[in-house]
Protein backbone atom coordinates (compact mmCIF):
# COMPACT_ATOMS: atom_id res chain seq x y z
CA MET A 1 37.41 45.97 4.77
CA ASN A 2 37.26 49.14 2.77
CA GLN A 3 34.43 51.57 2.41
CA ALA A 4 33.77 50.65 -1.24
CA HIS A 5 33.32 46.82 -0.49
CA THR A 6 30.91 47.83 2.52
CA GLU A 7 28.57 49.70 0.05
CA ASP A 8 28.96 46.85 -2.20
CA LEU A 9 27.16 44.44 0.17
CA GLY A 10 23.59 43.86 -1.24
CA ILE A 11 21.36 41.55 -2.89
CA GLY A 12 23.87 40.64 -5.38
CA GLN A 13 26.33 39.62 -2.86
CA TYR A 14 23.80 37.49 -1.05
CA LEU A 15 22.84 35.93 -4.35
CA GLN A 16 26.65 35.33 -4.94
CA VAL A 17 27.20 33.73 -1.54
CA LEU A 18 23.97 31.37 -2.39
CA ALA A 19 25.60 30.48 -5.82
CA ARG A 20 28.85 29.45 -4.24
CA ARG A 21 26.97 27.59 -1.34
CA TRP A 22 24.59 25.95 -3.55
CA PRO A 23 25.56 22.39 -2.43
CA VAL A 24 24.80 23.50 1.14
CA VAL A 25 21.06 24.79 0.23
CA ALA A 26 20.70 21.44 -2.06
CA VAL A 27 21.75 18.84 0.98
CA THR A 28 19.53 20.94 3.33
CA VAL A 29 16.66 20.66 1.03
CA VAL A 30 16.90 17.13 0.53
CA VAL A 31 17.64 16.34 4.14
CA VAL A 32 14.67 18.44 5.47
CA THR A 33 12.50 16.98 2.51
CA ALA A 34 13.51 13.43 3.49
CA LEU A 35 12.45 14.21 7.14
CA THR A 36 9.13 15.51 5.83
CA VAL A 37 8.70 12.34 3.80
CA ALA A 38 9.17 10.18 6.80
CA TYR A 39 7.11 11.99 8.94
CA VAL A 40 4.37 11.78 6.26
CA VAL A 41 4.83 8.24 6.18
CA LEU A 42 5.34 7.39 10.03
CA ALA A 43 2.91 10.10 11.61
CA PRO A 44 -0.61 8.63 12.53
CA ARG A 45 -3.14 10.02 9.99
CA THR A 46 -6.16 11.88 11.34
CA ALA A 47 -9.32 13.19 10.15
CA THR A 48 -11.15 16.33 10.89
CA ALA A 49 -15.13 17.00 10.31
CA THR A 50 -16.89 20.12 11.06
CA THR A 51 -20.55 20.63 11.96
CA GLU A 52 -22.10 23.94 11.57
CA VAL A 53 -24.76 25.07 14.11
CA ASN A 54 -26.94 28.08 14.19
CA LEU A 55 -27.79 29.12 17.76
CA ASN A 56 -31.36 30.26 18.81
CA VAL A 57 -31.48 33.62 20.67
CA ILE A 58 -33.45 32.93 23.99
CA SER A 59 -35.20 36.15 24.71
CA THR A 60 -38.59 37.44 25.55
CA ASP A 61 -38.25 39.47 22.09
CA PRO A 62 -35.93 38.06 19.94
CA PHE A 63 -37.09 40.04 16.88
CA THR A 64 -36.49 43.49 18.68
CA ALA A 65 -35.05 46.18 15.99
CA SER A 66 -32.85 47.79 18.76
CA ARG A 67 -30.27 45.10 18.50
CA SER A 68 -29.17 42.36 16.11
CA ALA A 69 -29.53 38.69 16.83
CA SER A 70 -25.74 38.36 16.92
CA GLY A 71 -25.63 41.11 19.46
CA LEU A 72 -27.84 39.05 21.53
CA VAL A 73 -25.46 35.94 21.49
CA ASP A 74 -21.92 35.88 22.85
CA GLY A 75 -19.96 33.71 20.68
CA THR A 76 -16.74 33.05 22.96
CA THR A 77 -19.18 32.21 25.70
CA GLU A 78 -21.19 29.60 23.67
CA ALA A 79 -17.68 28.29 22.26
CA GLN A 80 -16.58 27.80 26.04
CA ILE A 81 -19.81 26.03 26.70
CA ALA A 82 -19.75 23.66 23.80
CA SER A 83 -16.30 22.63 24.65
CA SER A 84 -17.09 22.38 28.35
CA TYR A 85 -16.63 19.25 30.51
CA ALA A 86 -20.29 18.88 31.04
CA VAL A 87 -21.01 18.84 27.18
CA ALA A 88 -18.05 16.41 27.00
CA VAL A 89 -19.48 13.89 29.47
CA LEU A 90 -22.92 13.90 27.87
CA ALA A 91 -21.31 13.39 24.45
CA SER A 92 -18.97 10.56 25.41
CA GLU A 93 -21.87 8.67 26.97
CA ARG A 94 -23.69 8.95 23.86
CA LEU A 95 -20.85 7.83 21.58
CA GLY A 96 -20.52 4.72 23.07
CA ASP A 97 -17.05 3.96 21.67
CA GLY A 98 -15.04 4.18 24.61
CA THR A 99 -13.74 7.81 24.17
CA SER A 100 -13.43 9.24 27.68
CA SER A 101 -14.69 12.90 28.27
CA SER A 102 -11.12 14.31 28.46
CA GLU A 103 -9.81 12.76 25.42
CA LEU A 104 -13.21 14.05 23.60
CA ARG A 105 -12.46 17.46 25.06
CA ARG A 106 -8.93 17.40 23.38
CA ASN A 107 -10.40 16.42 20.05
CA VAL A 108 -13.04 19.18 19.60
CA GLU A 109 -12.41 22.45 18.58
CA VAL A 110 -15.45 25.43 18.66
CA THR A 111 -14.91 28.41 16.65
CA PRO A 112 -17.56 31.24 16.67
CA VAL A 113 -18.36 33.00 13.61
CA ALA A 114 -17.80 36.72 13.86
CA ASP A 115 -20.94 38.83 13.47
CA ALA A 116 -23.33 35.85 13.30
CA THR A 117 -25.06 33.05 15.68
CA VAL A 118 -23.36 30.47 13.99
CA ILE A 119 -20.42 28.43 15.48
CA ARG A 120 -18.48 25.63 14.03
CA ILE A 121 -17.58 22.44 16.00
CA ALA A 122 -14.79 20.46 14.69
CA TYR A 123 -13.83 17.02 15.78
CA THR A 124 -10.61 14.93 15.27
CA ALA A 125 -10.63 11.10 15.02
CA PRO A 126 -8.69 8.43 13.27
CA THR A 127 -10.89 7.82 10.65
CA PRO A 128 -13.44 10.04 8.61
CA VAL A 129 -16.66 7.98 9.83
CA ALA A 130 -15.63 8.46 13.38
CA ALA A 131 -14.87 12.05 13.02
CA GLN A 132 -18.14 12.71 11.19
CA ARG A 133 -19.99 10.89 14.07
CA GLY A 134 -18.18 12.68 16.82
CA ALA A 135 -18.57 16.48 15.15
CA ASP A 136 -22.64 15.54 14.94
CA MET A 137 -22.85 14.08 18.45
CA VAL A 138 -20.99 16.89 20.09
CA ALA A 139 -23.36 19.36 18.17
CA ALA A 140 -26.33 17.74 19.00
CA THR A 141 -25.30 17.12 22.70
CA TYR A 142 -24.44 20.86 22.89
CA LEU A 143 -27.67 21.93 21.50
CA GLU A 144 -29.60 19.81 24.01
CA PHE A 145 -27.60 21.00 26.70
CA ARG A 146 -28.33 24.77 25.96
CA ALA A 147 -31.98 24.12 25.62
CA GLU A 148 -32.16 22.44 28.86
CA GLN A 149 -30.26 25.05 30.58
CA ALA A 150 -32.59 27.58 29.27
CA GLU A 151 -35.59 25.59 30.29
CA GLN A 152 -34.23 25.32 33.83
CA ARG A 153 -33.74 28.99 34.08
CA LEU A 154 -37.25 29.77 32.86
CA GLU A 155 -39.10 27.26 35.22
CA SER A 156 -36.92 28.63 37.91
CA MET A 157 -38.05 32.27 37.18
CA ILE A 158 -41.71 31.24 36.58
CA ALA A 159 -41.81 29.40 40.00
CA ARG A 160 -40.70 32.57 41.83
CA LEU A 161 -43.39 34.32 40.06
CA GLU A 162 -45.84 32.04 41.09
CA ALA A 163 -44.74 32.02 44.73
CA ARG A 164 -45.05 35.92 44.77
CA LEU A 165 -48.52 35.55 43.03
CA VAL A 166 -49.90 33.27 45.81
CA SER A 167 -48.54 35.90 48.29
CA LEU A 168 -50.11 38.82 46.47
CA ARG A 169 -53.64 36.90 46.32
CA GLU A 170 -53.32 36.30 50.06
CA GLN A 171 -52.86 39.85 50.65
CA LEU A 172 -55.61 40.72 48.25
CA VAL A 173 -58.19 38.67 50.20
CA ALA A 174 -57.09 40.23 53.47
CA ALA A 175 -57.76 43.90 51.99
CA ASN A 176 -61.20 42.77 50.72
CA ALA A 177 -62.01 41.54 54.12
CA ARG A 178 -60.77 44.68 56.04
CA ILE A 179 -63.02 46.67 53.45
CA ALA A 180 -65.84 44.84 54.13
CA SER A 181 -65.80 44.87 57.89
CA SER A 182 -64.92 48.47 58.05
CA ARG A 183 -67.40 51.37 58.10
CA GLU A 184 -67.35 53.21 54.48
CA GLY A 185 -65.35 56.40 54.63
CA SER A 186 -63.57 55.53 57.65
CA SER A 187 -59.71 55.52 57.87
CA THR A 188 -59.42 51.62 58.08
CA ALA A 189 -61.59 51.32 55.16
CA ASN A 190 -59.47 53.63 53.10
CA GLN A 191 -56.18 52.17 53.83
CA ALA A 192 -57.64 48.86 52.89
CA VAL A 193 -58.89 49.95 49.70
CA SER A 194 -55.56 51.51 48.90
CA ASP A 195 -53.77 48.20 49.68
CA ARG A 196 -56.14 46.32 47.52
CA ASP A 197 -55.44 48.57 44.40
CA LEU A 198 -51.53 48.31 45.08
CA VAL A 199 -51.68 44.38 45.34
CA THR A 200 -54.14 44.29 42.29
CA ILE A 201 -51.27 46.59 40.20
CA GLU A 202 -48.49 44.12 41.16
CA ILE A 203 -50.50 41.02 40.33
CA ASP A 204 -51.14 42.31 37.02
CA SER A 205 -47.39 43.10 36.54
CA LEU A 206 -46.31 39.63 37.57
CA LEU A 207 -48.92 37.87 35.38
CA ALA A 208 -47.61 39.69 32.36
CA GLN A 209 -44.17 38.80 33.25
CA LYS A 210 -45.25 35.18 33.60
CA SER A 211 -46.83 35.37 30.21
CA ASP A 212 -43.77 36.83 28.65
CA LEU A 213 -41.73 34.03 30.09
CA GLU A 214 -43.89 31.10 28.83
CA ARG A 215 -43.77 32.52 25.40
CA ILE A 216 -40.00 32.04 25.37
CA ASP A 217 -38.61 29.81 22.66
CA THR A 218 -36.12 27.43 24.79
CA SER A 219 -34.87 25.36 21.91
CA GLY A 220 -30.87 25.47 21.89
CA GLY A 221 -30.65 25.79 18.00
CA ALA A 222 -30.49 23.83 14.81
CA VAL A 223 -27.80 22.17 12.91
CA LEU A 224 -27.28 24.11 9.65
CA THR A 225 -24.79 21.77 7.94
CA PRO A 226 -24.16 18.20 9.28
CA ALA A 227 -20.69 16.90 9.10
CA LEU A 228 -21.44 14.51 6.45
CA GLU A 229 -21.94 17.35 4.20
CA ASN A 230 -18.62 19.40 5.05
CA PRO A 231 -15.39 18.19 3.37
CA VAL A 232 -13.00 16.12 5.85
CA VAL A 233 -9.66 17.30 6.41
CA HIS A 234 -6.71 14.81 6.81
CA ALA A 235 -3.69 15.40 8.54
CA PRO A 236 -0.84 15.38 7.96
CA GLY A 237 -1.84 16.84 4.65
CA THR A 238 0.63 15.33 2.21
CA ARG A 239 0.76 18.03 -0.47
CA MET A 240 0.81 20.77 2.10
CA VAL A 241 3.56 19.08 4.31
CA LEU A 242 5.60 18.30 1.69
CA ALA A 243 5.57 21.97 0.21
CA THR A 244 6.15 23.32 3.85
CA GLY A 245 9.22 20.90 4.11
CA VAL A 246 10.61 22.00 0.78
CA LEU A 247 10.06 25.75 1.59
CA LEU A 248 11.53 25.12 5.07
CA GLY A 249 14.53 23.20 3.57
CA VAL A 250 15.11 26.30 1.06
CA VAL A 251 14.90 28.76 3.73
CA LEU A 252 17.25 26.97 6.24
CA GLY A 253 19.97 26.02 3.38
CA ALA A 254 19.78 29.80 2.78
CA VAL A 255 20.34 30.62 6.28
CA LEU A 256 23.12 28.01 6.77
CA ALA A 257 24.79 29.03 3.36
CA PHE A 258 26.21 32.42 5.06
CA PRO A 259 28.08 30.65 8.04
CA ALA A 260 29.26 27.99 5.69
CA ASP A 261 30.58 30.48 3.47
CA ARG A 262 32.14 32.40 6.17
CA ARG A 263 33.77 29.39 7.55
CA ASN A 264 35.16 27.84 4.47
CA ARG A 265 35.24 30.54 1.68
CA ARG A 266 37.38 30.32 -0.76
CA LEU A 267 38.20 33.37 -3.19
CA ARG A 268 36.68 32.91 -6.84
CA ARG A 269 36.12 36.40 -8.03
CA GLY A 270 38.68 39.39 -8.44
CA GLY A 271 36.15 41.40 -6.28
CA ASP A 272 36.31 39.03 -3.60
CA VAL A 273 40.48 39.02 -3.48
CA ALA A 274 40.55 42.66 -3.67
CA ALA A 275 38.10 42.90 -0.80
CA VAL A 276 40.10 40.46 1.43
CA VAL A 277 43.45 41.92 0.79
CA ASP A 278 41.97 45.54 0.76
CA ALA A 279 44.10 46.37 -2.42
CA PRO A 280 43.67 45.94 -6.09
CA VAL A 281 44.03 42.82 -8.25
CA LEU A 282 47.20 43.81 -10.03
CA ALA A 283 46.88 40.78 -12.69
CA THR A 284 44.71 37.82 -13.28
CA LEU A 285 46.34 35.09 -15.08
CA GLU A 286 44.78 32.62 -17.27
CA GLY A 287 47.47 29.97 -18.14
CA THR A 288 46.62 26.38 -16.44
CA GLU A 289 50.26 25.14 -17.03
CA ILE A 290 53.14 25.93 -14.71
CA VAL A 291 55.70 27.10 -17.24
CA PRO A 292 59.17 28.30 -16.37
CA LEU A 293 58.49 31.63 -18.07
CA LEU A 294 55.06 33.00 -18.83
CA GLU A 295 53.92 33.28 -22.29
CA GLY A 296 51.23 35.25 -24.33
CA VAL A 297 48.57 37.06 -22.60
CA ASP A 298 50.03 36.23 -18.95
CA ARG A 299 53.26 37.90 -19.85
CA GLU A 300 51.61 41.19 -20.95
CA ARG A 301 49.51 40.86 -17.89
CA MET A 302 52.64 40.43 -15.76
CA ARG A 303 54.26 43.42 -17.35
CA ALA A 304 50.96 45.60 -16.54
CA ALA A 305 51.11 44.41 -12.80
CA ARG A 306 54.63 45.62 -12.61
CA GLU A 307 53.71 49.13 -13.75
CA ALA A 308 50.54 49.06 -11.48
CA LEU A 309 53.00 47.77 -8.62
CA LEU A 310 55.84 50.38 -9.14
CA ALA A 311 53.11 52.99 -9.04
CA ARG A 312 52.04 52.14 -5.73
CA LEU A 313 55.59 51.07 -4.35
CA PRO A 314 56.08 53.25 -1.36
CA ASP A 315 59.40 55.23 -1.18
CA GLY A 316 62.13 53.32 0.30
CA GLY A 317 60.12 50.13 -0.70
CA ARG A 318 63.14 47.94 -1.39
CA VAL A 319 62.20 44.62 -0.40
CA LEU A 320 59.09 43.23 -1.85
CA ALA A 321 57.58 40.14 -0.19
CA VAL A 322 55.56 37.76 -2.56
CA LEU A 323 53.27 35.71 -0.18
CA ASP A 324 51.97 32.52 -2.20
CA ARG A 325 48.79 31.15 -1.28
CA THR A 326 48.53 28.89 -4.15
CA ALA A 327 48.02 25.25 -3.89
CA THR A 328 50.82 24.18 -6.04
CA GLY A 329 53.74 25.34 -4.27
CA ALA A 330 55.59 26.53 -7.59
CA PRO A 331 57.08 29.77 -7.55
CA ASP A 332 56.70 30.61 -11.24
CA VAL A 333 54.57 33.59 -10.72
CA ALA A 334 57.10 35.13 -8.49
CA VAL A 335 59.86 34.42 -10.99
CA GLY A 336 57.56 36.14 -13.78
CA LEU A 337 57.17 39.14 -11.54
CA ALA A 338 61.02 39.35 -10.69
CA LEU A 339 61.64 38.92 -14.44
CA ALA A 340 59.14 41.51 -15.34
CA LEU A 341 60.89 43.88 -12.87
CA ALA A 342 64.20 43.18 -14.08
CA GLN A 343 63.06 44.14 -17.98
CA ASP A 344 62.48 47.53 -16.54
CA ASN A 345 66.33 48.05 -16.21
CA ARG A 346 66.30 47.31 -12.84
CA ARG A 347 68.69 45.48 -10.65
CA VAL A 348 66.48 42.60 -8.94
CA ARG A 349 67.40 39.82 -6.72
CA LEU A 350 65.05 37.05 -6.53
CA VAL A 351 65.54 35.25 -3.29
CA LEU A 352 63.81 31.59 -3.06
CA PRO A 353 63.82 29.93 0.43
CA ASP A 354 63.98 26.35 0.27
CA GLY A 355 65.42 26.44 -2.93
CA ASP A 356 66.50 22.73 -3.09
CA ARG A 357 62.72 21.76 -4.18
CA ASP A 358 62.07 20.45 -7.54
CA GLU A 359 59.42 23.16 -7.93
CA VAL A 360 61.93 26.02 -7.32
CA ARG A 361 64.41 24.45 -9.81
CA ASP A 362 61.77 23.89 -12.44
CA ALA A 363 60.37 27.30 -12.15
CA THR A 364 64.22 28.94 -12.68
CA SER A 365 65.10 26.72 -15.31
CA GLY A 366 64.23 29.00 -18.12
CA LEU A 367 66.44 31.83 -16.59
CA ASP A 368 69.47 30.53 -18.23
CA LEU A 369 71.48 31.01 -14.81
CA GLU A 370 75.25 31.09 -14.27
CA GLN A 371 76.90 30.54 -11.19
CA VAL A 372 78.71 33.59 -9.58
CA ALA A 373 82.23 32.79 -8.85
CA GLY A 374 82.59 32.60 -4.91
CA GLY A 375 79.20 32.74 -3.88
CA ALA A 376 75.65 31.04 -3.67
CA MET A 377 74.24 33.41 -6.25
CA GLU A 378 73.12 33.13 -9.68
CA VAL A 379 72.98 35.57 -12.41
CA SER A 380 70.52 35.14 -15.58
CA ARG A 381 72.13 35.46 -18.98
CA LEU A 382 68.34 35.82 -20.41
CA VAL A 383 67.86 39.11 -18.69
CA ARG A 384 70.78 41.70 -17.55
CA GLY A 385 70.20 42.50 -13.84
CA LEU A 386 68.36 39.59 -12.58
CA GLU A 387 70.01 37.89 -9.67
CA VAL A 388 68.75 34.45 -8.28
CA VAL A 389 69.31 33.12 -4.65
CA ARG A 390 68.19 29.57 -4.24
CA ALA A 391 68.68 29.09 -0.39
CA PRO A 392 68.38 25.73 0.89
CA ALA A 393 66.03 25.19 3.91
CA GLY A 394 67.42 25.60 7.27
CA GLY A 395 68.56 23.29 9.80
CA PRO A 396 67.92 22.75 13.60
CA CYS A 397 70.45 25.37 14.56
CA ASP A 398 68.84 28.04 12.10
CA ALA A 399 66.96 30.95 13.53
CA ASP A 400 64.34 29.80 10.98
CA ALA A 401 63.51 27.11 8.82
CA LEU A 402 63.08 29.17 5.81
CA ILE A 403 64.12 32.69 6.45
CA THR A 404 67.58 31.72 7.11
CA ARG A 405 70.88 33.55 7.97
CA GLU A 406 71.69 33.13 4.23
CA VAL A 407 68.40 34.44 3.12
CA ARG A 408 68.40 37.63 5.65
CA ASP A 409 72.07 38.19 4.40
CA HIS A 410 71.07 38.21 0.54
CA VAL A 411 68.16 40.36 1.76
CA ARG A 412 69.62 43.45 3.59
CA GLY A 413 73.14 42.17 3.68
CA PRO A 414 75.97 44.46 1.91
CA GLY A 415 75.92 44.39 -1.89
CA SER A 416 72.19 43.64 -2.04
CA ALA A 417 70.30 44.71 -5.20
CA ALA A 418 68.34 47.80 -5.59
CA THR A 419 64.82 45.66 -5.39
CA VAL A 420 64.74 42.42 -3.71
CA VAL A 421 61.89 39.99 -4.34
CA LEU A 422 61.46 37.73 -1.45
CA VAL A 423 59.33 34.63 -2.13
CA VAL A 424 57.18 33.01 0.80
CA PRO A 425 56.05 29.77 0.18
CA HIS A 426 52.55 28.46 1.07
CA ALA A 427 53.90 26.02 3.53
CA ALA A 428 55.64 28.92 5.74
CA GLY A 429 54.90 28.93 9.34
CA ALA A 430 54.12 31.63 11.53
CA ALA A 431 57.49 32.49 12.72
CA SER A 432 58.72 32.69 9.04
CA ARG A 433 55.91 34.90 8.07
CA SER A 434 56.62 37.12 11.05
CA ALA A 435 60.32 37.37 10.10
CA VAL A 436 58.99 38.26 6.58
CA GLN A 437 57.11 41.19 8.01
CA ARG A 438 60.18 42.60 9.58
CA LEU A 439 62.36 42.35 6.44
CA ALA A 440 59.85 43.42 3.77
CA GLN A 441 58.44 47.00 3.08
CA ALA A 442 55.84 46.12 0.57
CA ALA A 443 53.99 42.96 -0.44
CA VAL A 444 52.00 41.03 -3.02
CA VAL A 445 49.86 38.14 -2.38
CA LEU A 446 49.46 35.36 -4.84
CA VAL A 447 45.81 33.66 -4.80
CA GLU A 448 44.53 30.64 -6.72
CA ARG A 449 40.92 31.31 -7.59
CA GLY A 450 38.28 28.74 -6.07
CA VAL A 451 41.12 27.46 -3.65
CA SER A 452 42.86 29.79 -1.58
CA ARG A 453 40.88 30.69 1.43
CA SER A 454 39.87 33.96 2.33
CA ALA A 455 40.33 33.67 5.99
CA GLU A 456 44.25 32.74 5.42
CA VAL A 457 44.61 35.72 2.77
CA ARG A 458 42.82 38.12 4.89
CA ARG A 459 45.08 36.94 8.01
CA ASP A 460 48.18 37.60 6.00
CA ALA A 461 47.21 40.81 4.61
CA ARG A 462 46.00 42.29 8.32
CA ALA A 463 49.10 41.04 9.75
CA LEU A 464 51.16 42.90 7.08
CA THR A 465 49.36 46.02 7.27
CA GLU A 466 49.73 45.97 11.34
CA ALA A 467 53.42 45.30 10.83
CA GLY A 468 53.62 48.40 8.54
CA VAL A 469 54.17 46.65 5.31
CA ALA A 470 52.43 47.99 2.43
CA VAL A 471 49.91 45.31 0.61
CA LEU A 472 50.42 46.47 -2.95
CA GLY A 473 47.71 43.98 -4.45
CA ALA A 474 47.15 40.47 -5.46
CA VAL A 475 47.89 38.35 -8.35
CA ALA A 476 45.09 35.68 -9.31
CA VAL A 477 45.91 32.34 -11.00
CA PRO A 478 43.50 30.09 -12.18
CA ARG A 479 42.31 26.66 -10.30
CA GLY A 480 43.97 23.44 -10.94
CA ARG A 481 47.35 24.67 -12.36
CA ARG A 482 49.65 21.79 -13.29
CA PRO A 483 53.15 21.34 -14.29
CA GLN A 484 53.90 21.45 -18.08
CA PRO A 485 54.10 18.13 -19.62
CA LEU A 486 57.67 16.78 -20.34
CA VAL A 487 58.87 16.67 -24.17
CA PRO A 488 59.89 13.13 -24.49
CA GLU A 489 63.68 12.85 -25.43
CA PRO A 490 64.43 11.36 -28.74
CA GLN A 491 65.42 7.82 -28.81
CA PRO A 492 68.72 6.85 -30.33
CA ARG A 493 68.15 5.46 -33.83
CA VAL A 494 68.68 1.72 -34.06
CA LEU A 495 71.05 0.89 -37.17
CA GLU A 496 70.36 -2.22 -39.10
CA PRO A 497 72.61 -5.03 -38.91
CA GLN A 498 74.95 -4.97 -42.02
CA PRO A 499 75.46 -8.06 -44.25
CA LEU A 500 78.76 -10.23 -43.10
CA TYR A 501 78.87 -12.62 -45.96
CA PRO A 502 79.68 -12.41 -49.93
CA GLU A 503 76.52 -14.04 -50.85
CA ASP A 504 74.47 -11.13 -48.97
CA LEU A 505 76.49 -8.63 -50.94
CA ALA A 506 75.67 -9.99 -54.09
CA PRO A 507 75.42 -7.29 -56.88
CA SER A 508 72.07 -6.41 -58.53
CA VAL A 509 71.31 -7.59 -61.84
CA PRO A 510 71.50 -4.70 -64.51
CA GLU A 511 68.42 -4.26 -66.72
CA GLY A 512 68.16 -6.27 -69.92
CA GLU A 513 70.40 -9.04 -68.41
CA PRO A 514 68.94 -12.62 -67.68
CA GLU A 515 68.66 -13.14 -63.77
CA ASP A 516 70.75 -16.63 -64.21
CA LEU A 517 73.62 -14.85 -65.67
CA ALA A 518 76.88 -15.71 -63.64
CA PRO A 519 80.59 -14.84 -64.30
CA SER A 520 82.30 -16.73 -66.91
CA VAL A 521 84.99 -19.57 -65.82
CA PRO A 522 88.28 -18.87 -67.45
CA GLU A 523 89.19 -21.20 -70.09
CA GLY A 524 91.32 -24.47 -68.71
CA GLU A 525 89.74 -24.31 -65.16
CA PRO A 526 87.19 -26.71 -64.10
CA GLU A 527 83.89 -24.83 -62.80
CA ASP A 528 84.01 -26.13 -59.43
CA GLN A 529 87.55 -25.31 -58.72
CA ALA A 530 87.82 -23.61 -55.45
CA PRO A 531 90.85 -21.36 -54.21
CA PRO A 532 93.39 -22.79 -52.29
CA ILE A 533 93.38 -23.14 -48.57
CA PRO A 534 95.98 -21.16 -46.75
CA GLU A 535 98.26 -23.03 -44.42
CA GLY A 536 97.17 -22.90 -40.74
CA GLU A 537 93.59 -22.25 -41.59
CA PRO A 538 90.55 -24.89 -41.11
CA GLU A 539 89.24 -26.47 -43.94
CA GLY A 540 85.54 -25.20 -43.14
CA GLN A 541 86.74 -21.56 -43.56
CA ALA A 542 87.75 -22.05 -47.12
CA ASP A 543 84.21 -21.35 -48.53
CA ARG A 544 83.81 -18.02 -47.03
CA PRO A 545 86.93 -15.95 -47.74
CA ALA A 546 85.26 -12.52 -47.80
CA ALA A 547 83.74 -12.63 -44.39
CA ALA A 548 86.75 -11.07 -42.54
CA GLU A 549 86.94 -8.35 -45.17
CA VAL A 550 83.32 -7.54 -44.56
CA THR A 551 83.73 -7.44 -41.06
CA ARG A 552 86.85 -5.02 -41.09
């Protein structure tokens, strides 16, 4: 591929691929949308309800200014507790609808709100009522579980403080007893006083801690918005799922369009043809009928193609191969190219393998060919210097089915023309194309827009280039070319039957004479007298004496 084409690959090229392969995109969208509709119809529908809960900060000083309330609550931990097995067991027992704790945990989703003491508890069920009831029940159970856990922790802490206070009070009584039994100012009395003061200080501290713990609010929190007040989300959501299916179909169809275009790409634009053959498009013909001789605009374009071809023809390029990749198999374009070359005062030999085909005879019918004595070659009386060889297809003993010995002799044998145009039909096999690569020095590719496949044309051009054959360009013809309709032959004129009897030859009555005027009968002859019957004639023929004369 040339550098110019590589740089041309961009958004425009991608859009052209999508435009060419729009049926792939359309079919993909239809299939994916149909599957989406089937999913919406067949998939079990569920409802999801949400309850919003505000968590209570369980602290000895919940209103401290040093930290915010959200900083005193770990939302991730609370979400894990709300969806825990312990809460699920309690909630499933309270629901009483046969939902197990494991199923309930699968249906619950807890989401903490960032930088807040709020969590959202979502519950999914087959019906909206069941979803709302489940969300509220899980929220209430979680708050109660949270309060019970806080209460248990506080009771445990207070119990430990009470036990410590009992021990300290006993120590205080013992210290007071030692003070009373000791002499004032003695070392024993002084030690007892010191112990009493220390115990008193610790007792005061423990009493203050106990007082703070007893003031803590252990309620778990409160429901901000019950599930009944929040919207219920149904799944699958019909609109969202259908929109997603259509979008997915468009994306998938666009993705599939490129490999489909690569596998079965047909050449439609001149830029595609030039990129595939890595050479310019010499001519783009417009005629939709296969005619013996190109006419009008196509004739001028073929002459322009001749000039471009001669400008690119390498030195010593005597044999020009014309590779036909059109679907019709008619060599009329190759005939037109050879004719244009001959009109440039060149001696041109057009070699047509498999020349017994009707398409070959029709394409060369307008050249007014004349047989050369003592050979299979024909010359055109239309253009001087144009020789035509219509070589028959080879048999089992020939080297090739198309490039036979006769074809090779006419291409490179003695007495060959200055320029040889060798036509390679579309049906030529690999062996025939390889033989052409050895015979030709230059080549032109014929493509049919919208029909010729890029893979085949690219393979031909690459093989020719690797064999050292210069690919001069391509000639593009429109899609769906058909033979020119035959002009019906004139039918012979049918003559009307001539009258055979005298009464049919009655003269017309002149103007001014009565219609009943009859020739007069001579005097002396009866009116009904008939001419005599010659001897040997039957009597019945006497009344029609002039029939034989009319027939003669």
